[in-house]
Amino acid sequence: MDKSVDTTPGLAAVRVPDDEVDLYNVSEGGWYAVDDEDKAVLGPFESLGECDRAIHDRAALATPSPVTATRAHLS
């Protein structure tokens, strides 16, 4: 397993080799976003960049921006 730098609290990009899929309870090797308990949450992805983008997208959806909240209050 190769862990990248933590990109958001609670999720990290991890490369799971084919011979370690059983450790993460996934069906194939690749890049996955895993939580603090090493449970695969997103994936598999072909590259670290693709996995990191998915982690950032998920974080953006989970945390609404102040601009979005302000627009909702105006309508």
Protein backbone atom coordinates (compact mmCIF):
# COMPACT_ATOMS: atom_id res chain seq x y z
CA MET A 1 0.00 0.00 0.00
CA ASP A 2 1.28 3.45 -0.92
CA LYS A 3 -0.33 6.37 0.90
CA SER A 4 -0.24 9.86 -0.55
CA VAL A 5 -0.28 13.03 1.50
CA ASP A 6 -3.58 13.54 3.32
CA THR A 7 -5.66 15.88 1.13
CA THR A 8 -8.76 16.29 3.30
CA PRO A 9 -9.50 15.38 6.90
CA GLY A 10 -10.64 11.79 7.10
CA LEU A 11 -9.75 10.71 3.54
CA ALA A 12 -6.41 9.80 2.00
CA ALA A 13 -5.45 8.49 -1.43
CA VAL A 14 -4.01 4.97 -1.26
CA ARG A 15 -2.68 2.72 -4.02
CA VAL A 16 -3.85 -0.83 -3.35
CA PRO A 17 -1.76 -3.44 -5.20
CA ASP A 18 -3.55 -6.46 -6.66
CA ASP A 19 -2.10 -8.73 -3.96
CA GLU A 20 -3.56 -6.57 -1.13
CA VAL A 21 -7.17 -6.19 -2.32
CA ASP A 22 -8.43 -8.46 0.46
CA LEU A 23 -6.99 -6.14 3.11
CA TYR A 24 -9.23 -3.30 1.90
CA ASN A 25 -12.21 -5.45 0.91
CA VAL A 26 -12.06 -4.26 -2.72
CA SER A 27 -12.26 -6.33 -5.90
CA GLU A 28 -9.31 -4.89 -7.85
CA GLY A 29 -6.09 -2.98 -7.37
CA GLY A 30 -5.87 0.74 -8.04
CA TRP A 31 -6.06 4.09 -6.31
CA TYR A 32 -8.73 4.45 -3.63
CA ALA A 33 -9.83 7.14 -1.19
CA VAL A 34 -9.78 5.53 2.26
CA ASP A 35 -11.06 6.83 5.57
CA ASP A 36 -9.31 6.86 8.96
CA GLU A 37 -10.20 3.19 9.46
CA ASP A 38 -8.58 2.21 6.10
CA LYS A 39 -11.99 1.50 4.56
CA ALA A 40 -12.20 2.23 0.82
CA VAL A 41 -14.76 4.99 0.28
CA LEU A 42 -14.14 6.00 -3.36
CA GLY A 43 -12.48 4.18 -6.25
CA PRO A 44 -10.86 2.48 -7.94
CA PHE A 45 -9.07 5.17 -9.94
CA GLU A 46 -6.37 4.83 -12.59
CA SER A 47 -4.14 7.57 -11.16
CA LEU A 48 -3.33 9.48 -8.00
CA GLY A 49 -4.50 12.71 -9.65
CA GLU A 50 -7.90 11.25 -10.47
CA CYS A 51 -8.28 9.96 -6.91
CA ASP A 52 -7.24 13.30 -5.39
CA ARG A 53 -9.76 15.17 -7.58
CA ALA A 54 -12.52 12.83 -6.39
CA ILE A 55 -11.54 13.44 -2.76
CA HIS A 56 -11.59 17.21 -3.31
CA ASP A 57 -14.95 17.01 -5.12
CA ARG A 58 -16.44 14.99 -2.26
CA ALA A 59 -15.13 17.50 0.29
CA ALA A 60 -16.58 20.38 -1.74
CA LEU A 61 -20.00 18.70 -1.83
CA ALA A 62 -19.91 17.97 1.90
CA THR A 63 -18.93 21.52 2.86
CA PRO A 64 -21.05 24.20 1.17
CA SER A 65 -19.20 27.38 0.37
CA PRO A 66 -20.27 30.69 1.99
CA VAL A 67 -21.19 32.00 -1.48
CA THR A 68 -23.67 29.14 -1.99
CA ALA A 69 -25.23 29.76 1.42
CA THR A 70 -25.52 33.50 0.71
CA ARG A 71 -27.20 32.92 -2.65
CA ALA A 72 -29.72 30.54 -1.11
CA HIS A 73 -30.68 33.16 1.45
CA LEU A 74 -31.17 35.81 -1.23
CA SER A 75 -33.71 33.85 -3.26
